[in-house]
Amino acid sequence: MTKEARNAVVGAQLKRTSFRGVVNVVYGGEKPTPEVKAAIVEQGKAAKQKAANETAANGQKRKSEALGSDVNDSSSSVPMSKTQQKKRAKKEKMEAQGKA
């Protein structure tokens, strides 16, 4: 394969797949001035501080920690599923056979 043949194939592929149109650059990636950058950093620190104060005020990090062992209690208001009932019944039956 010669260089000219590959050049023709690549050129044809670019014609088929390339973008045909005008692109408007809205934001060119200009770097902010030091004053603006400092203001953004301060806003970020304030938001982190506020979030930390909220978690400290509640005394918890997540909801699941607040629920704690209440979820595992058998006396909870949520009824047990049939599958869970069957598993417990089987476990109790096996324990009773092991003791007898």
C-alpha atoms as a PDB file:
ATOM      1  CA  MET A   1       0.000   0.000   0.000  1.00  0.00           C
ATOM      2  CA  THR A   2       1.517   3.288  -1.034  1.00  0.00           C
ATOM      3  CA  LYS A   3       1.395   6.555   0.817  1.00  0.00           C
ATOM      4  CA  GLU A   4      -0.942   8.117  -1.763  1.00  0.00           C
ATOM      5  CA  ALA A   5      -3.549   5.363  -1.442  1.00  0.00           C
ATOM      6  CA  ARG A   6      -3.686   5.677   2.329  1.00  0.00           C
ATOM      7  CA  ASN A   7      -3.889   9.447   1.983  1.00  0.00           C
ATOM      8  CA  ALA A   8      -6.924   9.089  -0.286  1.00  0.00           C
ATOM      9  CA  VAL A   9      -8.660   6.703   2.126  1.00  0.00           C
ATOM     10  CA  VAL A  10      -8.034   8.934   5.156  1.00  0.00           C
ATOM     11  CA  GLY A  11      -9.195  12.003   3.245  1.00  0.00           C
ATOM     12  CA  ALA A  12     -12.416  10.286   2.204  1.00  0.00           C
ATOM     13  CA  GLN A  13     -13.039   9.131   5.777  1.00  0.00           C
ATOM     14  CA  LEU A  14     -12.598  12.669   7.084  1.00  0.00           C
ATOM     15  CA  LYS A  15     -15.081  13.947   4.525  1.00  0.00           C
ATOM     16  CA  ARG A  16     -17.677  11.391   5.666  1.00  0.00           C
ATOM     17  CA  THR A  17     -17.218  11.722   9.424  1.00  0.00           C
ATOM     18  CA  SER A  18     -16.023  15.260  10.053  1.00  0.00           C
ATOM     19  CA  PHE A  19     -18.221  18.031  11.429  1.00  0.00           C
ATOM     20  CA  ARG A  20     -19.584  20.437   8.859  1.00  0.00           C
ATOM     21  CA  GLY A  21     -20.632  23.658  10.486  1.00  0.00           C
ATOM     22  CA  VAL A  22     -19.703  26.602  12.610  1.00  0.00           C
ATOM     23  CA  VAL A  23     -18.874  26.339  16.285  1.00  0.00           C
ATOM     24  CA  ASN A  24     -19.325  29.370  18.527  1.00  0.00           C
ATOM     25  CA  VAL A  25     -16.902  29.494  21.437  1.00  0.00           C
ATOM     26  CA  VAL A  26     -18.859  30.886  24.358  1.00  0.00           C
ATOM     27  CA  TYR A  27     -16.274  30.363  27.097  1.00  0.00           C
ATOM     28  CA  GLY A  28     -12.664  30.319  26.077  1.00  0.00           C
ATOM     29  CA  GLY A  29     -11.260  29.053  29.375  1.00  0.00           C
ATOM     30  CA  GLU A  30     -10.002  32.378  30.640  1.00  0.00           C
ATOM     31  CA  LYS A  31      -8.478  32.190  34.097  1.00  0.00           C
ATOM     32  CA  PRO A  32     -10.287  34.232  36.783  1.00  0.00           C
ATOM     33  CA  THR A  33      -8.587  37.162  38.409  1.00  0.00           C
ATOM     34  CA  PRO A  34      -7.060  36.559  41.863  1.00  0.00           C
ATOM     35  CA  GLU A  35      -9.867  38.531  43.558  1.00  0.00           C
ATOM     36  CA  VAL A  36     -12.588  36.440  41.928  1.00  0.00           C
ATOM     37  CA  LYS A  37     -10.703  33.222  42.651  1.00  0.00           C
ATOM     38  CA  ALA A  38     -10.333  34.174  46.330  1.00  0.00           C
ATOM     39  CA  ALA A  39     -14.069  34.903  46.547  1.00  0.00           C
ATOM     40  CA  ILE A  40     -14.909  31.499  45.043  1.00  0.00           C
ATOM     41  CA  VAL A  41     -12.592  29.748  47.510  1.00  0.00           C
ATOM     42  CA  GLU A  42     -14.191  31.590  50.428  1.00  0.00           C
ATOM     43  CA  GLN A  43     -17.676  30.576  49.267  1.00  0.00           C
ATOM     44  CA  GLY A  44     -16.559  26.951  49.078  1.00  0.00           C
ATOM     45  CA  LYS A  45     -15.096  27.078  52.595  1.00  0.00           C
ATOM     46  CA  ALA A  46     -18.287  28.651  53.925  1.00  0.00           C
ATOM     47  CA  ALA A  47     -20.419  25.912  52.360  1.00  0.00           C
ATOM     48  CA  LYS A  48     -18.209  23.180  53.852  1.00  0.00           C
ATOM     49  CA  GLN A  49     -18.358  24.878  57.256  1.00  0.00           C
ATOM     50  CA  LYS A  50     -22.158  25.069  57.063  1.00  0.00           C
ATOM     51  CA  ALA A  51     -22.432  21.374  56.155  1.00  0.00           C
ATOM     52  CA  ALA A  52     -20.108  20.415  59.000  1.00  0.00           C
ATOM     53  CA  ASN A  53     -22.171  22.480  61.454  1.00  0.00           C
ATOM     54  CA  GLU A  54     -25.385  20.784  60.341  1.00  0.00           C
ATOM     55  CA  THR A  55     -23.970  17.294  60.874  1.00  0.00           C
ATOM     56  CA  ALA A  56     -22.549  18.336  64.248  1.00  0.00           C
ATOM     57  CA  ALA A  57     -25.886  19.827  65.283  1.00  0.00           C
ATOM     58  CA  ASN A  58     -27.672  16.571  64.508  1.00  0.00           C
ATOM     59  CA  GLY A  59     -24.922  14.521  66.098  1.00  0.00           C
ATOM     60  CA  GLN A  60     -24.974  12.040  63.230  1.00  0.00           C
ATOM     61  CA  LYS A  61     -23.447  11.542  59.842  1.00  0.00           C
ATOM     62  CA  ARG A  62     -26.055   9.356  58.157  1.00  0.00           C
ATOM     63  CA  LYS A  63     -29.650   8.293  58.632  1.00  0.00           C
ATOM     64  CA  SER A  64     -28.682   4.655  59.018  1.00  0.00           C
ATOM     65  CA  GLU A  65     -26.672   5.462  62.145  1.00  0.00           C
ATOM     66  CA  ALA A  66     -29.733   7.145  63.634  1.00  0.00           C
ATOM     67  CA  LEU A  67     -31.781   4.013  63.052  1.00  0.00           C
ATOM     68  CA  GLY A  68     -29.067   1.912  64.659  1.00  0.00           C
ATOM     69  CA  SER A  69     -30.180  -1.395  66.148  1.00  0.00           C
ATOM     70  CA  ASP A  70     -33.877  -0.501  65.950  1.00  0.00           C
ATOM     71  CA  VAL A  71     -33.981  -2.069  62.500  1.00  0.00           C
ATOM     72  CA  ASN A  72     -32.809  -5.449  63.816  1.00  0.00           C
ATOM     73  CA  ASP A  73     -35.320  -5.687  66.665  1.00  0.00           C
ATOM     74  CA  SER A  74     -38.018  -8.288  66.161  1.00  0.00           C
ATOM     75  CA  SER A  75     -40.565  -6.014  67.842  1.00  0.00           C
ATOM     76  CA  SER A  76     -40.414  -3.405  65.073  1.00  0.00           C
ATOM     77  CA  SER A  77     -43.625  -2.144  63.489  1.00  0.00           C
ATOM     78  CA  VAL A  78     -42.658  -3.517  60.051  1.00  0.00           C
ATOM     79  CA  PRO A  79     -43.947  -7.093  59.599  1.00  0.00           C
ATOM     80  CA  MET A  80     -41.484  -9.838  58.717  1.00  0.00           C
ATOM     81  CA  SER A  81     -41.505 -11.180  55.186  1.00  0.00           C
ATOM     82  CA  LYS A  82     -42.674 -14.734  54.581  1.00  0.00           C
ATOM     83  CA  THR A  83     -39.180 -15.737  53.499  1.00  0.00           C
ATOM     84  CA  GLN A  84     -37.727 -14.415  56.743  1.00  0.00           C
ATOM     85  CA  GLN A  85     -40.459 -16.194  58.739  1.00  0.00           C
ATOM     86  CA  LYS A  86     -39.616 -19.476  57.009  1.00  0.00           C
ATOM     87  CA  LYS A  87     -35.898 -19.034  57.689  1.00  0.00           C
ATOM     88  CA  ARG A  88     -36.531 -18.378  61.387  1.00  0.00           C
ATOM     89  CA  ALA A  89     -38.901 -21.328  61.649  1.00  0.00           C
ATOM     90  CA  LYS A  90     -36.331 -23.613  60.015  1.00  0.00           C
ATOM     91  CA  LYS A  91     -33.570 -22.317  62.301  1.00  0.00           C
ATOM     92  CA  GLU A  92     -35.732 -22.886  65.416  1.00  0.00           C
ATOM     93  CA  LYS A  93     -36.636 -26.378  64.199  1.00  0.00           C
ATOM     94  CA  MET A  94     -32.966 -27.261  63.641  1.00  0.00           C
ATOM     95  CA  GLU A  95     -32.046 -25.964  67.119  1.00  0.00           C
ATOM     96  CA  ALA A  96     -34.863 -27.971  68.690  1.00  0.00           C
ATOM     97  CA  GLN A  97     -33.720 -31.167  66.925  1.00  0.00           C
ATOM     98  CA  GLY A  98     -30.121 -30.551  67.971  1.00  0.00           C
ATOM     99  CA  LYS A  99     -31.105 -30.223  71.656  1.00  0.00           C
ATOM    100  CA  ALA A 100     -33.482 -33.235  71.669  1.00  0.00           C
END
